[in-house]
Amino acid sequence: MSSGQGTGAAGTSYTPFYLTNVGQAPCTLTGYPGFSVLDSQGRIVQKPAVQKAGPGRSQPVAVTTVTLRPGQMAMFLVASIDTVPNPDCPTTFSGTTVQVYPPNQTAPILKAMSMSICDLTVGPVQPYSAS
């Protein structure tokens, strides 16, 4: 798993994340990943991301089945509110690790990554081409 350059608009920041098929056979992904930020003790910061069909987009993003050949990537977008303080976030919540459960999987992927967040949302997995 990797992340891309974040962007922002209207009080919200958006970060793309990428899942790569590191296996020897094709795999399929359908739906939403589980996404949360953990503190240094491994506890979830604030709460896990809420599913949203298209954070950062003017129209909802359809949930589709993404088939990945070995080495191919899929992406999903994570949004965090930047307007702090607000009723849910008197201050931002900080974490040191990102925890991702690929759709329909029970084993998490952990990635060391410092993030300050508030009210996370996550979009569905989508096809991705690096070109």
Protein backbone atom coordinates (compact mmCIF):
# COMPACT_ATOMS: atom_id res chain seq x y z
CA MET A 1 0.00 0.00 0.00
CA SER A 2 1.18 3.50 -0.77
CA SER A 3 -0.23 7.01 -0.69
CA GLY A 4 -0.14 9.90 -3.10
CA GLN A 5 0.06 13.66 -2.88
CA GLY A 6 -2.86 15.10 -0.96
CA THR A 7 -5.00 18.02 -2.12
CA GLY A 8 -7.62 20.17 -0.46
CA ALA A 9 -10.70 22.27 -1.08
CA ALA A 10 -13.41 23.96 0.99
CA GLY A 11 -12.08 22.87 4.38
CA THR A 12 -11.35 19.26 3.47
CA SER A 13 -8.11 17.51 2.54
CA TYR A 14 -8.04 14.51 0.19
CA THR A 15 -5.35 11.83 0.03
CA PRO A 16 -5.24 9.04 -2.56
CA PHE A 17 -4.11 5.60 -1.40
CA TYR A 18 -3.07 2.75 -3.67
CA LEU A 19 -3.31 -1.01 -3.27
CA THR A 20 -0.93 -3.14 -5.38
CA ASN A 21 -1.42 -6.79 -6.26
CA VAL A 22 1.85 -8.29 -5.01
CA GLY A 23 0.70 -11.87 -5.64
CA GLN A 24 1.32 -14.17 -8.59
CA ALA A 25 -2.32 -14.38 -9.72
CA PRO A 26 -5.02 -11.82 -10.57
CA CYS A 27 -7.19 -10.61 -7.69
CA THR A 28 -10.46 -8.71 -7.52
CA LEU A 29 -11.57 -5.93 -5.18
CA THR A 30 -15.15 -4.67 -4.83
CA GLY A 31 -16.39 -1.99 -2.47
CA TYR A 32 -14.88 0.06 0.29
CA PRO A 33 -11.69 -0.52 2.23
CA GLY A 34 -11.69 -0.21 5.98
CA PHE A 35 -9.51 2.77 6.90
CA SER A 36 -8.36 4.16 10.22
CA VAL A 37 -5.45 6.01 11.75
CA LEU A 38 -3.73 4.53 14.80
CA ASP A 39 -1.77 6.18 17.60
CA SER A 40 1.63 4.95 18.79
CA GLN A 41 -0.08 2.36 21.06
CA GLY A 42 -2.08 0.91 18.12
CA ARG A 43 -5.41 2.46 19.16
CA ILE A 44 -7.78 3.95 16.58
CA VAL A 45 -7.62 7.75 16.56
CA GLN A 46 -11.07 9.44 16.71
CA LYS A 47 -12.98 6.72 14.75
CA PRO A 48 -12.66 4.64 11.56
CA ALA A 49 -13.45 6.32 8.24
CA VAL A 50 -17.08 6.40 7.16
CA GLN A 51 -17.88 5.10 3.67
CA LYS A 52 -18.84 7.80 1.18
CA ALA A 53 -19.47 7.30 -2.53
CA GLY A 54 -17.07 9.86 -3.87
CA PRO A 55 -15.34 12.08 -1.34
CA GLY A 56 -13.84 15.02 -3.20
CA ARG A 57 -15.99 14.50 -6.26
CA SER A 58 -19.09 16.38 -7.40
CA GLN A 59 -20.87 13.10 -8.25
CA PRO A 60 -20.94 9.77 -6.40
CA VAL A 61 -18.41 7.18 -7.57
CA ALA A 62 -19.93 3.85 -8.56
CA VAL A 63 -18.86 0.74 -6.70
CA THR A 64 -17.33 -1.56 -9.32
CA THR A 65 -15.28 -4.74 -9.32
CA VAL A 66 -11.61 -4.00 -9.98
CA THR A 67 -9.48 -6.86 -11.31
CA LEU A 68 -5.74 -6.47 -10.77
CA ARG A 69 -3.10 -8.50 -12.54
CA PRO A 70 0.16 -8.98 -10.63
CA GLY A 71 1.82 -5.58 -10.17
CA GLN A 72 -1.30 -3.54 -11.03
CA MET A 73 -2.78 -0.98 -8.63
CA ALA A 74 -6.21 0.18 -7.51
CA MET A 75 -6.85 3.45 -5.68
CA PHE A 76 -9.22 4.87 -3.12
CA LEU A 77 -9.61 8.39 -1.76
CA VAL A 78 -9.64 9.39 1.92
CA ALA A 79 -10.99 12.76 3.05
CA SER A 80 -10.44 14.57 6.35
CA ILE A 81 -12.11 17.76 7.57
CA ASP A 82 -9.66 20.66 7.99
CA THR A 83 -12.03 23.14 9.63
CA VAL A 84 -11.07 22.75 13.26
CA PRO A 85 -12.44 23.46 15.77
CA ASN A 86 -15.89 22.06 14.98
CA PRO A 87 -18.45 20.10 17.05
CA ASP A 88 -16.77 16.73 16.29
CA CYS A 89 -13.20 17.97 16.51
CA PRO A 90 -12.25 20.59 19.07
CA THR A 91 -8.69 19.90 17.86
CA THR A 92 -7.28 17.60 15.19
CA PHE A 93 -6.49 13.99 16.08
CA SER A 94 -2.96 12.78 15.33
CA GLY A 95 -1.74 9.30 14.53
CA THR A 96 1.41 7.49 13.47
CA THR A 97 0.09 4.55 11.44
CA VAL A 98 -2.52 4.01 8.74
CA GLN A 99 -4.52 0.77 8.97
CA VAL A 100 -6.27 -0.45 5.82
CA TYR A 101 -8.46 -3.50 5.36
CA PRO A 102 -8.81 -4.16 1.61
CA PRO A 103 -12.44 -4.84 0.66
CA ASN A 104 -13.68 -8.22 1.95
CA GLN A 105 -10.40 -8.95 3.75
CA THR A 106 -9.85 -9.55 7.46
CA ALA A 107 -6.10 -8.90 7.70
CA PRO A 108 -5.05 -5.24 7.85
CA ILE A 109 -2.23 -3.57 5.98
CA LEU A 110 -0.29 -1.22 8.27
CA LYS A 111 1.81 1.68 7.02
CA ALA A 112 3.81 4.08 9.17
CA MET A 113 2.49 7.52 8.30
CA SER A 114 1.94 10.59 10.47
CA MET A 115 -1.50 12.10 9.91
CA SER A 116 -3.59 14.77 11.60
CA ILE A 117 -7.24 14.00 10.93
CA CYS A 118 -10.87 14.83 11.73
CA ASP A 119 -14.00 12.97 10.58
CA LEU A 120 -12.47 10.65 7.99
CA THR A 121 -14.42 9.41 4.97
CA VAL A 122 -13.29 6.80 2.45
CA GLY A 123 -14.41 6.19 -1.11
CA PRO A 124 -14.72 2.88 -2.96
CA VAL A 125 -11.78 1.15 -4.60
CA GLN A 126 -11.38 2.30 -8.23
CA PRO A 127 -9.19 1.22 -11.15
CA TYR A 128 -5.90 3.11 -11.39
CA SER A 129 -3.40 3.58 -14.16
CA ALA A 130 -0.08 5.31 -13.47
CA SER A 131 0.11 6.65 -17.04
